[in-house]
Amino acid sequence: MYVGCQSDDVPYLLQFAGEDNLIMGSDYGHADTTSEPAALSTSRSTSPVGQRIANKMLGDNARTLYAL
């Protein structure tokens, strides 16, 4: 199971989903007040959960999910 999340929700979701099951997307195909267009460029440097987990969410977990 993978959970797409907003950056503000990450610390809370880590408690339940685990660091191997979170991914982050920022390219919503519709106007949404919760969209985070700069999420990918800022998450690694400002992540409240650290660089390692941010890297997993922004790359490693997505590669596993999509079998890349």
PDB file of N, CA and C in Angstrom:
ATOM      1  N   MET A   1       0.846  -1.168   0.000  1.00  0.00           N
ATOM      2  CA  MET A   1       0.000   0.000   0.000  1.00  0.00           C
ATOM      3  C   MET A   1       0.891   1.230   0.000  1.00  0.00           C
ATOM      4  N   TYR A   2       0.561   2.174  -0.840  1.00  0.00           N
ATOM      5  CA  TYR A   2       1.279   3.438  -0.891  1.00  0.00           C
ATOM      6  C   TYR A   2       0.302   4.566  -0.624  1.00  0.00           C
ATOM      7  N   VAL A   3       0.785   5.592   0.028  1.00  0.00           N
ATOM      8  CA  VAL A   3      -0.037   6.741   0.361  1.00  0.00           C
ATOM      9  C   VAL A   3       0.619   7.976  -0.232  1.00  0.00           C
ATOM     10  N   GLY A   4      -0.128   8.710  -1.045  1.00  0.00           N
ATOM     11  CA  GLY A   4       0.345  10.001  -1.532  1.00  0.00           C
ATOM     12  C   GLY A   4      -0.026  11.047  -0.498  1.00  0.00           C
ATOM     13  N   CYS A   5       0.901  11.897  -0.145  1.00  0.00           N
ATOM     14  CA  CYS A   5       0.635  12.815   0.957  1.00  0.00           C
ATOM     15  C   CYS A   5       1.179  14.205   0.674  1.00  0.00           C
ATOM     16  N   GLN A   6       0.700  15.143   1.458  1.00  0.00           N
ATOM     17  CA  GLN A   6       1.224  16.504   1.434  1.00  0.00           C
ATOM     18  C   GLN A   6       2.353  16.585   2.447  1.00  0.00           C
ATOM     19  N   SER A   7       3.258  17.494   2.243  1.00  0.00           N
ATOM     20  CA  SER A   7       4.433  17.576   3.111  1.00  0.00           C
ATOM     21  C   SER A   7       4.080  17.826   4.570  1.00  0.00           C
ATOM     22  N   ASP A   8       3.021  18.566   4.839  1.00  0.00           N
ATOM     23  CA  ASP A   8       2.639  18.833   6.229  1.00  0.00           C
ATOM     24  C   ASP A   8       2.169  17.586   6.959  1.00  0.00           C
ATOM     25  N   ASP A   9       1.693  16.585   6.220  1.00  0.00           N
ATOM     26  CA  ASP A   9       1.140  15.378   6.819  1.00  0.00           C
ATOM     27  C   ASP A   9       2.170  14.285   7.071  1.00  0.00           C
ATOM     28  N   VAL A  10       3.367  14.425   6.564  1.00  0.00           N
ATOM     29  CA  VAL A  10       4.358  13.358   6.600  1.00  0.00           C
ATOM     30  C   VAL A  10       4.670  12.860   8.008  1.00  0.00           C
ATOM     31  N   PRO A  11       5.014  13.704   8.972  1.00  0.00           N
ATOM     32  CA  PRO A  11       5.344  13.178  10.290  1.00  0.00           C
ATOM     33  C   PRO A  11       4.208  12.337  10.896  1.00  0.00           C
ATOM     34  N   TYR A  12       2.978  12.778  10.712  1.00  0.00           N
ATOM     35  CA  TYR A  12       1.826  12.033  11.236  1.00  0.00           C
ATOM     36  C   TYR A  12       1.665  10.695  10.517  1.00  0.00           C
ATOM     37  N   LEU A  13       1.735  10.714   9.185  1.00  0.00           N
ATOM     38  CA  LEU A  13       1.523   9.496   8.408  1.00  0.00           C
ATOM     39  C   LEU A  13       2.625   8.469   8.600  1.00  0.00           C
ATOM     40  N   LEU A  14       3.838   8.911   8.883  1.00  0.00           N
ATOM     41  CA  LEU A  14       4.935   7.973   9.115  1.00  0.00           C
ATOM     42  C   LEU A  14       4.621   7.016  10.260  1.00  0.00           C
ATOM     43  N   GLN A  15       3.879   7.480  11.231  1.00  0.00           N
ATOM     44  CA  GLN A  15       3.524   6.634  12.377  1.00  0.00           C
ATOM     45  C   GLN A  15       2.694   5.429  11.956  1.00  0.00           C
ATOM     46  N   PHE A  16       1.907   5.575  10.902  1.00  0.00           N
ATOM     47  CA  PHE A  16       0.955   4.543  10.521  1.00  0.00           C
ATOM     48  C   PHE A  16       1.328   3.822   9.224  1.00  0.00           C
ATOM     49  N   ALA A  17       1.843   4.547   8.253  1.00  0.00           N
ATOM     50  CA  ALA A  17       2.130   3.952   6.948  1.00  0.00           C
ATOM     51  C   ALA A  17       3.562   3.445   6.845  1.00  0.00           C
ATOM     52  N   GLY A  18       4.473   4.048   7.583  1.00  0.00           N
ATOM     53  CA  GLY A  18       5.877   3.670   7.499  1.00  0.00           C
ATOM     54  C   GLY A  18       6.589   4.375   6.362  1.00  0.00           C
ATOM     55  N   GLU A  19       7.895   4.469   6.483  1.00  0.00           N
ATOM     56  CA  GLU A  19       8.680   5.242   5.521  1.00  0.00           C
ATOM     57  C   GLU A  19       8.794   4.586   4.153  1.00  0.00           C
ATOM     58  N   ASP A  20       8.488   3.302   4.045  1.00  0.00           N
ATOM     59  CA  ASP A  20       8.572   2.618   2.759  1.00  0.00           C
ATOM     60  C   ASP A  20       7.286   2.726   1.947  1.00  0.00           C
ATOM     61  N   ASN A  21       6.263   3.358   2.492  1.00  0.00           N
ATOM     62  CA  ASN A  21       4.953   3.372   1.841  1.00  0.00           C
ATOM     63  C   ASN A  21       4.429   4.761   1.518  1.00  0.00           C
ATOM     64  N   LEU A  22       5.262   5.776   1.633  1.00  0.00           N
ATOM     65  CA  LEU A  22       4.820   7.137   1.335  1.00  0.00           C
ATOM     66  C   LEU A  22       5.460   7.634   0.050  1.00  0.00           C
ATOM     67  N   ILE A  23       4.665   8.305  -0.762  1.00  0.00           N
ATOM     68  CA  ILE A  23       5.167   8.962  -1.960  1.00  0.00           C
ATOM     69  C   ILE A  23       4.608  10.380  -1.979  1.00  0.00           C
ATOM     70  N   MET A  24       5.230  11.244  -2.747  1.00  0.00           N
ATOM     71  CA  MET A  24       4.729  12.606  -2.842  1.00  0.00           C
ATOM     72  C   MET A  24       4.570  12.974  -4.300  1.00  0.00           C
ATOM     73  N   GLY A  25       3.428  13.530  -4.629  1.00  0.00           N
ATOM     74  CA  GLY A  25       3.187  14.019  -5.974  1.00  0.00           C
ATOM     75  C   GLY A  25       2.852  15.495  -5.906  1.00  0.00           C
ATOM     76  N   SER A  26       3.229  16.210  -6.934  1.00  0.00           N
ATOM     77  CA  SER A  26       2.976  17.653  -6.910  1.00  0.00           C
ATOM     78  C   SER A  26       2.340  18.151  -8.194  1.00  0.00           C
ATOM     79  N   ASP A  27       1.999  17.251  -9.090  1.00  0.00           N
ATOM     80  CA  ASP A  27       1.500  17.686 -10.395  1.00  0.00           C
ATOM     81  C   ASP A  27       0.030  17.326 -10.582  1.00  0.00           C
ATOM     82  N   TYR A  28      -0.795  17.808  -9.681  1.00  0.00           N
ATOM     83  CA  TYR A  28      -2.226  17.564  -9.795  1.00  0.00           C
ATOM     84  C   TYR A  28      -2.731  18.079 -11.134  1.00  0.00           C
ATOM     85  N   GLY A  29      -3.649  17.341 -11.735  1.00  0.00           N
ATOM     86  CA  GLY A  29      -4.174  17.725 -13.032  1.00  0.00           C
ATOM     87  C   GLY A  29      -5.388  18.630 -12.950  1.00  0.00           C
ATOM     88  N   HIS A  30      -5.628  19.198 -11.799  1.00  0.00           N
ATOM     89  CA  HIS A  30      -6.780  20.078 -11.624  1.00  0.00           C
ATOM     90  C   HIS A  30      -6.428  21.158 -10.603  1.00  0.00           C
ATOM     91  N   ALA A  31      -7.226  22.203 -10.581  1.00  0.00           N
ATOM     92  CA  ALA A  31      -6.994  23.274  -9.597  1.00  0.00           C
ATOM     93  C   ALA A  31      -7.374  22.747  -8.221  1.00  0.00           C
ATOM     94  N   ASP A  32      -6.456  22.748  -7.323  1.00  0.00           N
ATOM     95  CA  ASP A  32      -6.681  22.202  -5.988  1.00  0.00           C
ATOM     96  C   ASP A  32      -5.947  23.093  -4.996  1.00  0.00           C
ATOM     97  N   THR A  33      -6.632  23.536  -3.987  1.00  0.00           N
ATOM     98  CA  THR A  33      -6.008  24.427  -3.007  1.00  0.00           C
ATOM     99  C   THR A  33      -4.925  23.727  -2.209  1.00  0.00           C
ATOM    100  N   THR A  34      -4.874  22.391  -2.243  1.00  0.00           N
ATOM    101  CA  THR A  34      -3.849  21.666  -1.497  1.00  0.00           C
ATOM    102  C   THR A  34      -2.654  21.294  -2.363  1.00  0.00           C
ATOM    103  N   SER A  35      -2.636  21.728  -3.622  1.00  0.00           N
ATOM    104  CA  SER A  35      -1.509  21.380  -4.484  1.00  0.00           C
ATOM    105  C   SER A  35      -0.230  22.037  -3.971  1.00  0.00           C
ATOM    106  N   GLU A  36       0.875  21.369  -4.207  1.00  0.00           N
ATOM    107  CA  GLU A  36       2.178  21.864  -3.765  1.00  0.00           C
ATOM    108  C   GLU A  36       3.137  21.856  -4.949  1.00  0.00           C
ATOM    109  N   PRO A  37       3.029  22.846  -5.839  1.00  0.00           N
ATOM    110  CA  PRO A  37       3.864  22.832  -7.037  1.00  0.00           C
ATOM    111  C   PRO A  37       5.360  22.842  -6.764  1.00  0.00           C
ATOM    112  N   ALA A  38       5.781  23.372  -5.648  1.00  0.00           N
ATOM    113  CA  ALA A  38       7.215  23.429  -5.340  1.00  0.00           C
ATOM    114  C   ALA A  38       7.658  22.292  -4.422  1.00  0.00           C
ATOM    115  N   ALA A  39       6.802  21.326  -4.191  1.00  0.00           N
ATOM    116  CA  ALA A  39       7.105  20.265  -3.227  1.00  0.00           C
ATOM    117  C   ALA A  39       8.392  19.530  -3.544  1.00  0.00           C
ATOM    118  N   LEU A  40       8.603  19.183  -4.794  1.00  0.00           N
ATOM    119  CA  LEU A  40       9.791  18.410  -5.128  1.00  0.00           C
ATOM    120  C   LEU A  40      11.068  19.211  -4.972  1.00  0.00           C
ATOM    121  N   SER A  41      11.009  20.494  -5.253  1.00  0.00           N
ATOM    122  CA  SER A  41      12.225  21.297  -5.152  1.00  0.00           C
ATOM    123  C   SER A  41      12.551  21.699  -3.725  1.00  0.00           C
ATOM    124  N   THR A  42      11.561  21.704  -2.836  1.00  0.00           N
ATOM    125  CA  THR A  42      11.829  22.142  -1.469  1.00  0.00           C
ATOM    126  C   THR A  42      11.831  21.016  -0.439  1.00  0.00           C
ATOM    127  N   SER A  43      11.228  19.893  -0.736  1.00  0.00           N
ATOM    128  CA  SER A  43      11.072  18.843   0.268  1.00  0.00           C
ATOM    129  C   SER A  43      12.388  18.292   0.785  1.00  0.00           C
ATOM    130  N   ARG A  44      13.342  18.116  -0.086  1.00  0.00           N
ATOM    131  CA  ARG A  44      14.612  17.551   0.376  1.00  0.00           C
ATOM    132  C   ARG A  44      15.334  18.503   1.332  1.00  0.00           C
ATOM    133  N   SER A  45      15.218  19.786   1.107  1.00  0.00           N
ATOM    134  CA  SER A  45      15.957  20.727   1.948  1.00  0.00           C
ATOM    135  C   SER A  45      15.193  21.155   3.191  1.00  0.00           C
ATOM    136  N   THR A  46      13.872  21.055   3.179  1.00  0.00           N
ATOM    137  CA  THR A  46      13.092  21.531   4.324  1.00  0.00           C
ATOM    138  C   THR A  46      12.268  20.441   4.990  1.00  0.00           C
ATOM    139  N   SER A  47      12.523  19.189   4.667  1.00  0.00           N
ATOM    140  CA  SER A  47      11.718  18.095   5.196  1.00  0.00           C
ATOM    141  C   SER A  47      11.806  18.022   6.716  1.00  0.00           C
ATOM    142  N   PRO A  48      10.661  17.926   7.395  1.00  0.00           N
ATOM    143  CA  PRO A  48      10.680  17.792   8.856  1.00  0.00           C
ATOM    144  C   PRO A  48      11.079  16.391   9.309  1.00  0.00           C
ATOM    145  N   VAL A  49      11.246  15.459   8.368  1.00  0.00           N
ATOM    146  CA  VAL A  49      11.568  14.081   8.743  1.00  0.00           C
ATOM    147  C   VAL A  49      12.971  13.665   8.333  1.00  0.00           C
ATOM    148  N   GLY A  50      13.714  14.560   7.757  1.00  0.00           N
ATOM    149  CA  GLY A  50      15.098  14.282   7.407  1.00  0.00           C
ATOM    150  C   GLY A  50      15.306  13.917   5.949  1.00  0.00           C
ATOM    151  N   GLN A  51      16.538  14.041   5.542  1.00  0.00           N
ATOM    152  CA  GLN A  51      16.955  13.837   4.152  1.00  0.00           C
ATOM    153  C   GLN A  51      16.692  12.415   3.669  1.00  0.00           C
ATOM    154  N   ARG A  52      17.009  11.410   4.457  1.00  0.00           N
ATOM    155  CA  ARG A  52      16.880  10.016   4.033  1.00  0.00           C
ATOM    156  C   ARG A  52      15.431   9.666   3.713  1.00  0.00           C
ATOM    157  N   ILE A  53      14.511  10.028   4.584  1.00  0.00           N
ATOM    158  CA  ILE A  53      13.096   9.714   4.355  1.00  0.00           C
ATOM    159  C   ILE A  53      12.548  10.553   3.210  1.00  0.00           C
ATOM    160  N   ALA A  54      12.947  11.809   3.111  1.00  0.00           N
ATOM    161  CA  ALA A  54      12.511  12.640   1.988  1.00  0.00           C
ATOM    162  C   ALA A  54      12.958  12.030   0.667  1.00  0.00           C
ATOM    163  N   ASN A  55      14.180  11.531   0.602  1.00  0.00           N
ATOM    164  CA  ASN A  55      14.673  10.893  -0.619  1.00  0.00           C
ATOM    165  C   ASN A  55      13.861   9.646  -0.955  1.00  0.00           C
ATOM    166  N   LYS A  56      13.479   8.882   0.056  1.00  0.00           N
ATOM    167  CA  LYS A  56      12.654   7.696  -0.200  1.00  0.00           C
ATOM    168  C   LYS A  56      11.300   8.104  -0.767  1.00  0.00           C
ATOM    169  N   MET A  57      10.683   9.102  -0.178  1.00  0.00           N
ATOM    170  CA  MET A  57       9.363   9.539  -0.631  1.00  0.00           C
ATOM    171  C   MET A  57       9.403  10.122  -2.035  1.00  0.00           C
ATOM    172  N   LEU A  58      10.464  10.817  -2.370  1.00  0.00           N
ATOM    173  CA  LEU A  58      10.560  11.511  -3.650  1.00  0.00           C
ATOM    174  C   LEU A  58      11.189  10.676  -4.756  1.00  0.00           C
ATOM    175  N   GLY A  59      11.696   9.500  -4.418  1.00  0.00           N
ATOM    176  CA  GLY A  59      12.355   8.711  -5.453  1.00  0.00           C
ATOM    177  C   GLY A  59      12.250   7.216  -5.260  1.00  0.00           C
ATOM    178  N   ASP A  60      12.877   6.711  -4.222  1.00  0.00           N
ATOM    179  CA  ASP A  60      12.973   5.262  -4.030  1.00  0.00           C
ATOM    180  C   ASP A  60      11.611   4.582  -3.981  1.00  0.00           C
ATOM    181  N   ASN A  61      10.688   5.121  -3.200  1.00  0.00           N
ATOM    182  CA  ASN A  61       9.372   4.492  -3.056  1.00  0.00           C
ATOM    183  C   ASN A  61       8.580   4.541  -4.360  1.00  0.00           C
ATOM    184  N   ALA A  62       8.681   5.640  -5.088  1.00  0.00           N
ATOM    185  CA  ALA A  62       7.982   5.732  -6.368  1.00  0.00           C
ATOM    186  C   ALA A  62       8.555   4.741  -7.373  1.00  0.00           C
ATOM    187  N   ARG A  63       9.876   4.565  -7.390  1.00  0.00           N
ATOM    188  CA  ARG A  63      10.484   3.582  -8.299  1.00  0.00           C
ATOM    189  C   ARG A  63      10.006   2.179  -7.971  1.00  0.00           C
ATOM    190  N   THR A  64       9.868   1.872  -6.691  1.00  0.00           N
ATOM    191  CA  THR A  64       9.359   0.560  -6.299  1.00  0.00           C
ATOM    192  C   THR A  64       7.889   0.414  -6.692  1.00  0.00           C
ATOM    193  N   LEU A  65       7.087   1.430  -6.409  1.00  0.00           N
ATOM    194  CA  LEU A  65       5.661   1.385  -6.737  1.00  0.00           C
ATOM    195  C   LEU A  65       5.438   1.140  -8.229  1.00  0.00           C
ATOM    196  N   TYR A  66       6.175   1.842  -9.070  1.00  0.00           N
ATOM    197  CA  TYR A  66       5.989   1.738 -10.516  1.00  0.00           C
ATOM    198  C   TYR A  66       6.926   0.723 -11.179  1.00  0.00           C
ATOM    199  N   ALA A  67       7.631  -0.044 -10.362  1.00  0.00           N
ATOM    200  CA  ALA A  67       8.546  -1.084 -10.864  1.00  0.00           C
ATOM    201  C   ALA A  67       9.518  -0.523 -11.897  1.00  0.00           C
ATOM    202  N   LEU A  68      10.148   0.585 -11.560  1.00  0.00           N
ATOM    203  CA  LEU A  68      11.112   1.221 -12.472  1.00  0.00           C
ATOM    204  C   LEU A  68      12.534   0.803 -12.127  1.00  0.00           C
TER     205      LEU A  68
END
